Amino acid sequence: MDLKDIQNLIKFVAKSGASEVKLETDDVKITIKTGSDTETTIVQQVPMQAQMPVQPQMQAAPAAAPAPVATEAPAAPAEDSKYITIKSPIIGTFYRKPSPDKPLFVEVGQSIAEGDVLCIIEAMKLFNEIESEVSGKIVKILVDDASPVEFDQPLFLVDPS
């Protein structure tokens, strides 16, 4: 199962309104739980005989991640409705620059065009460049560098004017 399949599954479950979906194959076990406040996705890639000892550790880590997300997400829509919110298309780790010794992709006040790389999100050891789908000016960056992000979490506020 590749990253695109997992992303599509997450989107499907989020839209379907199901509260929990479990999928197991020979080498991957995926559990997606949605609740009224948070959405939790657990992805394990382990041999089936090693499944039991690893499972509690994997479930404990994602459970702690939604708490900061819940405090940041409501703040973005309340600020200014005239801004466009750029959201995370995947779950992973947010990076503002391509490597530690390189400059930032974008900064507050910088003008961006459609197709400009805004950040990188690392998911399952893959570095995914997140490109802008709008033109405008960066008003606010809503996530700290090297922070975990959830699917559909607001990352940037852009003034399209």
N, C-alpha and C. Protein backbone atom coordinates (compact mmCIF):
# COMPACT_ATOMS: atom_id res chain seq x y z
N MET A 1 0.86 -1.17 0.00
CA MET A 1 0.00 0.00 0.00
C MET A 1 0.90 1.23 0.00
N ASP A 2 0.70 2.13 -0.96
CA ASP A 2 1.55 3.31 -1.03
C ASP A 2 0.88 4.51 -0.36
N LEU A 3 1.60 5.62 -0.31
CA LEU A 3 1.15 6.82 0.39
C LEU A 3 -0.15 7.37 -0.19
N LYS A 4 -0.29 7.36 -1.50
CA LYS A 4 -1.51 7.87 -2.15
C LYS A 4 -2.73 7.06 -1.72
N ASP A 5 -2.58 5.72 -1.65
CA ASP A 5 -3.68 4.87 -1.23
C ASP A 5 -4.12 5.21 0.19
N ILE A 6 -3.14 5.44 1.07
CA ILE A 6 -3.44 5.78 2.46
C ILE A 6 -4.14 7.13 2.54
N GLN A 7 -3.64 8.11 1.76
CA GLN A 7 -4.27 9.44 1.75
C GLN A 7 -5.71 9.35 1.26
N ASN A 8 -5.94 8.59 0.20
CA ASN A 8 -7.29 8.44 -0.33
C ASN A 8 -8.21 7.75 0.68
N LEU A 9 -7.69 6.76 1.39
CA LEU A 9 -8.47 6.07 2.41
C LEU A 9 -8.86 7.04 3.53
N ILE A 10 -7.92 7.87 3.96
CA ILE A 10 -8.19 8.85 5.02
C ILE A 10 -9.27 9.83 4.57
N LYS A 11 -9.16 10.33 3.33
CA LYS A 11 -10.17 11.26 2.81
C LYS A 11 -11.54 10.59 2.74
N PHE A 12 -11.58 9.35 2.27
CA PHE A 12 -12.83 8.62 2.14
C PHE A 12 -13.50 8.44 3.50
N VAL A 13 -12.72 8.04 4.51
CA VAL A 13 -13.27 7.81 5.84
C VAL A 13 -13.77 9.13 6.44
N ALA A 14 -13.01 10.21 6.24
CA ALA A 14 -13.41 11.51 6.78
C ALA A 14 -14.75 11.96 6.19
N LYS A 15 -14.95 11.73 4.89
CA LYS A 15 -16.18 12.15 4.23
C LYS A 15 -17.34 11.20 4.52
N SER A 16 -17.05 9.94 4.80
CA SER A 16 -18.12 8.95 4.97
C SER A 16 -18.86 9.09 6.30
N GLY A 17 -18.22 9.67 7.29
CA GLY A 17 -18.84 9.81 8.59
C GLY A 17 -18.70 8.57 9.47
N ALA A 18 -17.93 7.58 9.01
CA ALA A 18 -17.70 6.38 9.82
C ALA A 18 -16.88 6.76 11.04
N SER A 19 -17.13 6.08 12.17
CA SER A 19 -16.39 6.41 13.38
C SER A 19 -15.07 5.66 13.48
N GLU A 20 -14.97 4.48 12.86
CA GLU A 20 -13.72 3.72 12.91
C GLU A 20 -13.66 2.77 11.72
N VAL A 21 -12.46 2.69 11.11
CA VAL A 21 -12.22 1.77 10.01
C VAL A 21 -10.88 1.08 10.27
N LYS A 22 -10.86 -0.24 10.15
CA LYS A 22 -9.63 -1.01 10.30
C LYS A 22 -9.36 -1.76 9.01
N LEU A 23 -8.09 -1.76 8.59
CA LEU A 23 -7.67 -2.46 7.38
C LEU A 23 -6.37 -3.18 7.69
N GLU A 24 -6.34 -4.48 7.43
CA GLU A 24 -5.13 -5.26 7.67
C GLU A 24 -4.76 -6.02 6.41
N THR A 25 -3.47 -5.93 6.05
CA THR A 25 -2.92 -6.76 4.98
C THR A 25 -1.75 -7.51 5.58
N ASP A 26 -0.97 -8.19 4.76
CA ASP A 26 0.15 -8.98 5.26
C ASP A 26 1.18 -8.13 6.01
N ASP A 27 1.48 -6.93 5.51
CA ASP A 27 2.54 -6.13 6.12
C ASP A 27 2.08 -4.77 6.66
N VAL A 28 0.81 -4.44 6.53
CA VAL A 28 0.33 -3.13 6.97
C VAL A 28 -0.97 -3.30 7.76
N LYS A 29 -1.05 -2.57 8.84
CA LYS A 29 -2.29 -2.53 9.61
C LYS A 29 -2.64 -1.05 9.79
N ILE A 30 -3.83 -0.65 9.34
CA ILE A 30 -4.26 0.74 9.42
C ILE A 30 -5.55 0.81 10.21
N THR A 31 -5.60 1.71 11.18
CA THR A 31 -6.82 1.99 11.92
C THR A 31 -7.08 3.48 11.84
N ILE A 32 -8.26 3.86 11.37
CA ILE A 32 -8.63 5.27 11.29
C ILE A 32 -9.85 5.45 12.17
N LYS A 33 -9.69 6.32 13.18
CA LYS A 33 -10.79 6.60 14.10
C LYS A 33 -11.15 8.07 13.97
N THR A 34 -12.43 8.37 13.82
CA THR A 34 -12.87 9.75 13.79
C THR A 34 -13.82 9.97 14.95
N GLY A 35 -13.71 11.13 15.55
CA GLY A 35 -14.59 11.48 16.66
C GLY A 35 -15.17 12.85 16.40
N SER A 36 -15.93 13.36 17.34
CA SER A 36 -16.54 14.66 17.14
C SER A 36 -15.51 15.79 17.19
N ASP A 37 -14.42 15.61 17.95
CA ASP A 37 -13.43 16.67 18.09
C ASP A 37 -12.17 16.42 17.28
N THR A 38 -11.73 15.18 17.19
CA THR A 38 -10.45 14.90 16.58
C THR A 38 -10.55 13.74 15.61
N GLU A 39 -9.51 13.62 14.79
CA GLU A 39 -9.39 12.49 13.89
C GLU A 39 -8.03 11.87 14.15
N THR A 40 -7.98 10.58 14.37
CA THR A 40 -6.74 9.89 14.67
C THR A 40 -6.51 8.82 13.63
N THR A 41 -5.31 8.79 13.10
CA THR A 41 -4.95 7.77 12.14
C THR A 41 -3.72 7.05 12.65
N ILE A 42 -3.78 5.73 12.68
CA ILE A 42 -2.67 4.92 13.15
C ILE A 42 -2.25 4.02 11.99
N VAL A 43 -1.00 4.12 11.60
CA VAL A 43 -0.49 3.28 10.52
C VAL A 43 0.68 2.48 11.07
N GLN A 44 0.61 1.17 10.93
CA GLN A 44 1.69 0.30 11.37
C GLN A 44 2.17 -0.53 10.20
N GLN A 45 3.46 -0.67 10.08
CA GLN A 45 4.02 -1.55 9.08
C GLN A 45 4.98 -2.48 9.83
N VAL A 46 4.43 -3.62 10.27
CA VAL A 46 5.19 -4.55 11.10
C VAL A 46 4.91 -5.97 10.64
N PRO A 47 5.83 -6.88 10.91
CA PRO A 47 5.52 -8.29 10.67
C PRO A 47 4.37 -8.70 11.59
N MET A 48 3.52 -9.59 11.13
CA MET A 48 2.33 -9.95 11.88
C MET A 48 2.65 -10.56 13.25
N GLN A 49 3.73 -11.34 13.40
CA GLN A 49 4.03 -11.93 14.70
C GLN A 49 4.53 -10.88 15.69
N ALA A 50 5.06 -9.75 15.24
CA ALA A 50 5.54 -8.70 16.14
C ALA A 50 4.45 -7.66 16.40
N GLN A 51 3.26 -7.89 15.95
CA GLN A 51 2.18 -6.92 16.03
C GLN A 51 1.79 -6.57 17.47
N MET A 52 1.65 -7.52 18.35
CA MET A 52 1.15 -7.25 19.69
C MET A 52 2.04 -6.32 20.51
N PRO A 53 3.38 -6.51 20.59
CA PRO A 53 4.17 -5.60 21.40
C PRO A 53 4.23 -4.19 20.82
N VAL A 54 4.15 -4.03 19.51
CA VAL A 54 4.29 -2.72 18.89
C VAL A 54 3.01 -1.91 18.96
N GLN A 55 1.87 -2.54 18.91
CA GLN A 55 0.60 -1.85 18.81
C GLN A 55 0.36 -0.84 19.94
N PRO A 56 0.55 -1.13 21.22
CA PRO A 56 0.30 -0.13 22.24
C PRO A 56 1.18 1.10 22.11
N GLN A 57 2.43 0.93 21.70
CA GLN A 57 3.32 2.07 21.55
C GLN A 57 2.86 2.97 20.41
N MET A 58 2.44 2.40 19.30
CA MET A 58 2.02 3.18 18.15
C MET A 58 0.73 3.95 18.46
N GLN A 59 -0.17 3.40 19.25
CA GLN A 59 -1.42 4.08 19.54
C GLN A 59 -1.22 5.20 20.56
N ALA A 60 -0.24 5.08 21.42
CA ALA A 60 -0.03 6.10 22.44
C ALA A 60 0.49 7.40 21.84
N ALA A 61 1.38 7.34 20.87
CA ALA A 61 1.96 8.54 20.30
C ALA A 61 0.94 9.40 19.54
N PRO A 62 0.13 8.86 18.62
CA PRO A 62 -0.82 9.72 17.92
C PRO A 62 -1.89 10.30 18.84
N ALA A 63 -2.21 9.66 19.92
CA ALA A 63 -3.25 10.16 20.82
C ALA A 63 -2.84 11.51 21.43
N ALA A 64 -1.54 11.73 21.62
CA ALA A 64 -1.08 12.98 22.20
C ALA A 64 -1.05 14.10 21.18
N ALA A 65 -0.93 13.81 19.91
CA ALA A 65 -0.78 14.83 18.87
C ALA A 65 -2.02 15.70 18.67
N PRO A 66 -3.26 15.20 18.73
CA PRO A 66 -4.40 16.05 18.44
C PRO A 66 -4.62 17.20 19.43
N ALA A 67 -4.12 17.13 20.65
CA ALA A 67 -4.35 18.19 21.62
C ALA A 67 -3.87 19.56 21.13
N PRO A 68 -2.60 19.72 20.65
CA PRO A 68 -2.18 21.02 20.16
C PRO A 68 -2.95 21.41 18.89
N VAL A 69 -3.30 20.44 18.08
CA VAL A 69 -4.01 20.72 16.83
C VAL A 69 -5.35 21.35 17.13
N ALA A 70 -6.05 20.85 18.14
CA ALA A 70 -7.38 21.34 18.47
C ALA A 70 -7.33 22.81 18.92
N THR A 71 -6.25 23.24 19.55
CA THR A 71 -6.16 24.62 20.00
C THR A 71 -5.79 25.55 18.86
N GLU A 72 -5.07 25.07 17.86
CA GLU A 72 -4.66 25.93 16.75
C GLU A 72 -5.74 26.05 15.69
N ALA A 73 -6.44 24.98 15.38
CA ALA A 73 -7.37 24.96 14.25
C ALA A 73 -8.50 25.99 14.39
N PRO A 74 -9.18 26.14 15.53
CA PRO A 74 -10.27 27.10 15.61
C PRO A 74 -9.81 28.55 15.50
N ALA A 75 -8.56 28.85 15.82
CA ALA A 75 -8.07 30.22 15.80
C ALA A 75 -8.01 30.77 14.37
N ALA A 76 -7.67 29.96 13.38
CA ALA A 76 -7.51 30.44 12.01
C ALA A 76 -8.80 30.99 11.41
N PRO A 77 -9.94 30.28 11.45
CA PRO A 77 -11.15 30.83 10.86
C PRO A 77 -11.67 32.06 11.60
N ALA A 78 -11.42 32.17 12.90
CA ALA A 78 -11.95 33.27 13.68
C ALA A 78 -11.23 34.59 13.37
N GLU A 79 -10.00 34.54 12.89
CA GLU A 79 -9.22 35.75 12.70
C GLU A 79 -9.76 36.62 11.56
N ASP A 80 -9.65 36.15 10.33
CA ASP A 80 -10.09 36.92 9.18
C ASP A 80 -10.64 35.99 8.12
N SER A 81 -11.87 36.22 7.75
CA SER A 81 -12.50 35.35 6.76
C SER A 81 -12.07 35.73 5.34
N LYS A 82 -11.42 36.87 5.17
CA LYS A 82 -10.99 37.27 3.83
C LYS A 82 -9.73 36.53 3.38
N TYR A 83 -9.07 35.85 4.28
CA TYR A 83 -7.85 35.12 3.93
C TYR A 83 -8.18 33.70 3.50
N ILE A 84 -7.32 33.18 2.63
CA ILE A 84 -7.43 31.78 2.20
C ILE A 84 -6.53 30.95 3.10
N THR A 85 -7.06 29.83 3.58
CA THR A 85 -6.30 28.94 4.44
C THR A 85 -5.74 27.80 3.60
N ILE A 86 -4.43 27.62 3.64
CA ILE A 86 -3.80 26.49 2.97
C ILE A 86 -3.64 25.41 4.01
N LYS A 87 -4.22 24.23 3.71
CA LYS A 87 -4.25 23.14 4.68
C LYS A 87 -3.33 22.00 4.26
N SER A 88 -2.97 21.19 5.23
CA SER A 88 -2.10 20.04 4.99
C SER A 88 -2.86 18.95 4.23
N PRO A 89 -2.31 18.49 3.11
CA PRO A 89 -2.97 17.42 2.37
C PRO A 89 -2.68 16.03 2.94
N ILE A 90 -1.70 15.94 3.86
CA ILE A 90 -1.30 14.65 4.41
C ILE A 90 -0.91 14.79 5.88
N ILE A 91 -0.76 13.67 6.53
CA ILE A 91 -0.25 13.61 7.91
C ILE A 91 1.26 13.46 7.83
N GLY A 92 1.98 14.17 8.68
CA GLY A 92 3.44 14.03 8.68
C GLY A 92 4.09 15.09 9.53
N THR A 93 5.36 15.37 9.23
CA THR A 93 6.13 16.37 9.95
C THR A 93 6.37 17.56 9.02
N PHE A 94 6.02 18.75 9.48
CA PHE A 94 6.08 19.99 8.71
C PHE A 94 7.48 20.58 8.80
N TYR A 95 8.06 20.92 7.64
CA TYR A 95 9.36 21.60 7.60
C TYR A 95 9.25 22.84 6.73
N ARG A 96 9.82 23.96 7.23
CA ARG A 96 9.76 25.23 6.50
C ARG A 96 10.90 25.41 5.52
N LYS A 97 11.94 24.55 5.57
CA LYS A 97 13.05 24.66 4.63
C LYS A 97 13.49 23.29 4.14
N PRO A 98 14.12 23.23 2.96
CA PRO A 98 14.48 21.94 2.37
C PRO A 98 15.54 21.16 3.15
N SER A 99 16.42 21.86 3.85
CA SER A 99 17.42 21.23 4.70
C SER A 99 17.88 22.26 5.73
N PRO A 100 18.53 21.82 6.81
CA PRO A 100 18.89 22.77 7.88
C PRO A 100 19.76 23.94 7.43
N ASP A 101 20.59 23.75 6.40
CA ASP A 101 21.49 24.81 5.97
C ASP A 101 20.93 25.66 4.81
N LYS A 102 19.69 25.44 4.42
CA LYS A 102 19.07 26.17 3.31
C LYS A 102 18.11 27.23 3.86
N PRO A 103 17.77 28.25 3.06
CA PRO A 103 16.82 29.28 3.51
C PRO A 103 15.38 28.74 3.54
N LEU A 104 14.52 29.48 4.25
CA LEU A 104 13.11 29.11 4.36
C LEU A 104 12.44 29.19 2.98
N PHE A 105 11.42 28.34 2.76
CA PHE A 105 10.66 28.40 1.51
C PHE A 105 9.91 29.72 1.42
N VAL A 106 9.14 30.07 2.46
CA VAL A 106 8.37 31.31 2.48
C VAL A 106 8.41 31.92 3.87
N GLU A 107 8.21 33.25 3.92
CA GLU A 107 8.13 33.97 5.18
C GLU A 107 6.88 34.85 5.19
N VAL A 108 6.48 35.31 6.35
CA VAL A 108 5.33 36.20 6.46
C VAL A 108 5.61 37.47 5.67
N GLY A 109 4.64 37.90 4.87
CA GLY A 109 4.78 39.10 4.05
C GLY A 109 5.27 38.81 2.65
N GLN A 110 5.73 37.62 2.39
CA GLN A 110 6.25 37.26 1.07
C GLN A 110 5.11 36.97 0.10
N SER A 111 5.26 37.44 -1.14
CA SER A 111 4.28 37.15 -2.18
C SER A 111 4.56 35.78 -2.77
N ILE A 112 3.49 35.03 -3.04
CA ILE A 112 3.63 33.70 -3.61
C ILE A 112 2.77 33.61 -4.87
N ALA A 113 3.16 32.72 -5.75
CA ALA A 113 2.39 32.46 -6.97
C ALA A 113 1.92 31.01 -6.94
N GLU A 114 0.94 30.72 -7.75
CA GLU A 114 0.43 29.36 -7.85
C GLU A 114 1.56 28.44 -8.30
N GLY A 115 1.76 27.33 -7.57
CA GLY A 115 2.81 26.38 -7.90
C GLY A 115 4.10 26.56 -7.11
N ASP A 116 4.22 27.66 -6.34
CA ASP A 116 5.41 27.86 -5.50
C ASP A 116 5.42 26.85 -4.37
N VAL A 117 6.60 26.32 -4.03
CA VAL A 117 6.72 25.39 -2.91
C VAL A 117 6.67 26.20 -1.61
N LEU A 118 5.75 25.81 -0.72
CA LEU A 118 5.56 26.52 0.55
C LEU A 118 6.27 25.84 1.70
N CYS A 119 6.33 24.50 1.67
CA CYS A 119 6.92 23.75 2.77
C CYS A 119 7.12 22.31 2.30
N ILE A 120 7.66 21.50 3.20
CA ILE A 120 7.80 20.06 2.96
C ILE A 120 7.11 19.36 4.12
N ILE A 121 6.38 18.29 3.80
CA ILE A 121 5.81 17.44 4.85
C ILE A 121 6.39 16.05 4.66
N GLU A 122 7.08 15.58 5.72
CA GLU A 122 7.67 14.25 5.69
C GLU A 122 6.63 13.26 6.20
N ALA A 123 6.37 12.24 5.38
CA ALA A 123 5.44 11.19 5.76
C ALA A 123 6.03 9.86 5.33
N MET A 124 6.21 8.97 6.28
CA MET A 124 6.72 7.63 6.01
C MET A 124 8.05 7.68 5.25
N LYS A 125 8.96 8.53 5.70
CA LYS A 125 10.30 8.69 5.15
C LYS A 125 10.31 9.29 3.74
N LEU A 126 9.18 9.84 3.31
CA LEU A 126 9.10 10.52 2.01
C LEU A 126 8.91 12.01 2.27
N PHE A 127 9.66 12.84 1.55
CA PHE A 127 9.56 14.29 1.70
C PHE A 127 8.70 14.83 0.57
N ASN A 128 7.51 15.33 0.92
CA ASN A 128 6.53 15.80 -0.06
C ASN A 128 6.52 17.32 -0.08
N GLU A 129 6.83 17.90 -1.26
CA GLU A 129 6.78 19.35 -1.40
C GLU A 129 5.32 19.77 -1.51
N ILE A 130 4.92 20.74 -0.71
CA ILE A 130 3.56 21.25 -0.73
C ILE A 130 3.58 22.55 -1.51
N GLU A 131 2.87 22.56 -2.64
CA GLU A 131 2.85 23.72 -3.52
C GLU A 131 1.58 24.53 -3.29
N SER A 132 1.69 25.83 -3.54
CA SER A 132 0.54 26.73 -3.40
C SER A 132 -0.44 26.52 -4.55
N GLU A 133 -1.72 26.53 -4.22
CA GLU A 133 -2.76 26.44 -5.23
C GLU A 133 -3.37 27.82 -5.50
N VAL A 134 -2.86 28.84 -4.80
CA VAL A 134 -3.35 30.21 -4.96
C VAL A 134 -2.18 31.18 -5.04
N SER A 135 -2.45 32.35 -5.56
CA SER A 135 -1.47 33.44 -5.56
C SER A 135 -1.88 34.43 -4.48
N GLY A 136 -0.90 35.12 -3.92
CA GLY A 136 -1.21 36.10 -2.89
C GLY A 136 0.00 36.39 -2.03
N LYS A 137 -0.27 36.82 -0.79
CA LYS A 137 0.79 37.18 0.15
C LYS A 137 0.58 36.40 1.44
N ILE A 138 1.65 35.80 1.96
CA ILE A 138 1.60 35.04 3.22
C ILE A 138 1.32 36.02 4.36
N VAL A 139 0.22 35.79 5.08
CA VAL A 139 -0.17 36.64 6.20
C VAL A 139 0.30 36.02 7.52
N LYS A 140 0.16 34.69 7.62
CA LYS A 140 0.52 34.03 8.87
C LYS A 140 0.91 32.59 8.60
N ILE A 141 1.92 32.11 9.33
CA ILE A 141 2.32 30.71 9.29
C ILE A 141 1.82 30.10 10.59
N LEU A 142 0.94 29.10 10.48
CA LEU A 142 0.21 28.58 11.63
C LEU A 142 0.87 27.40 12.32
N VAL A 143 2.00 26.90 11.78
CA VAL A 143 2.64 25.71 12.32
C VAL A 143 4.13 25.99 12.53
N ASP A 144 4.68 25.50 13.62
CA ASP A 144 6.11 25.65 13.88
C ASP A 144 6.91 24.65 13.06
N ASP A 145 8.15 25.01 12.74
CA ASP A 145 9.03 24.12 11.99
C ASP A 145 9.27 22.82 12.76
N ALA A 146 9.30 21.71 12.03
CA ALA A 146 9.56 20.37 12.57
C ALA A 146 8.45 19.90 13.52
N SER A 147 7.23 20.40 13.31
CA SER A 147 6.07 19.99 14.12
C SER A 147 5.25 18.95 13.38
N PRO A 148 4.61 18.04 14.12
CA PRO A 148 3.70 17.10 13.46
C PRO A 148 2.44 17.82 13.01
N VAL A 149 1.92 17.44 11.83
CA VAL A 149 0.67 18.01 11.33
C VAL A 149 -0.30 16.88 10.98
N GLU A 150 -1.57 17.18 11.08
CA GLU A 150 -2.64 16.24 10.76
C GLU A 150 -3.18 16.55 9.37
N PHE A 151 -3.91 15.61 8.81
CA PHE A 151 -4.60 15.83 7.54
C PHE A 151 -5.59 16.98 7.70
N ASP A 152 -5.58 17.91 6.75
CA ASP A 152 -6.51 19.03 6.70
C ASP A 152 -6.26 20.08 7.79
N GLN A 153 -5.09 20.04 8.42
CA GLN A 153 -4.75 21.05 9.43
C GLN A 153 -4.30 22.33 8.71
N PRO A 154 -4.79 23.50 9.14
CA PRO A 154 -4.36 24.76 8.53
C PRO A 154 -2.85 24.99 8.72
N LEU A 155 -2.17 25.36 7.63
CA LEU A 155 -0.73 25.61 7.67
C LEU A 155 -0.39 27.09 7.48
N PHE A 156 -1.06 27.72 6.50
CA PHE A 156 -0.76 29.11 6.14
C PHE A 156 -2.07 29.88 5.93
N LEU A 157 -2.01 31.20 6.22
CA LEU A 157 -3.08 32.11 5.82
C LEU A 157 -2.52 32.98 4.71
N VAL A 158 -3.27 33.08 3.60
CA VAL A 158 -2.82 33.83 2.43
C VAL A 158 -3.85 34.90 2.09
N ASP A 159 -3.36 36.14 1.87
CA ASP A 159 -4.22 37.21 1.41
C ASP A 159 -4.20 37.18 -0.12
N PRO A 160 -5.32 36.84 -0.77
CA PRO A 160 -5.31 36.69 -2.23
C PRO A 160 -5.30 38.00 -3.01
N SER A 161 -5.47 39.13 -2.34
CA SER A 161 -5.55 40.41 -3.07
C SER A 161 -4.21 40.91 -3.53
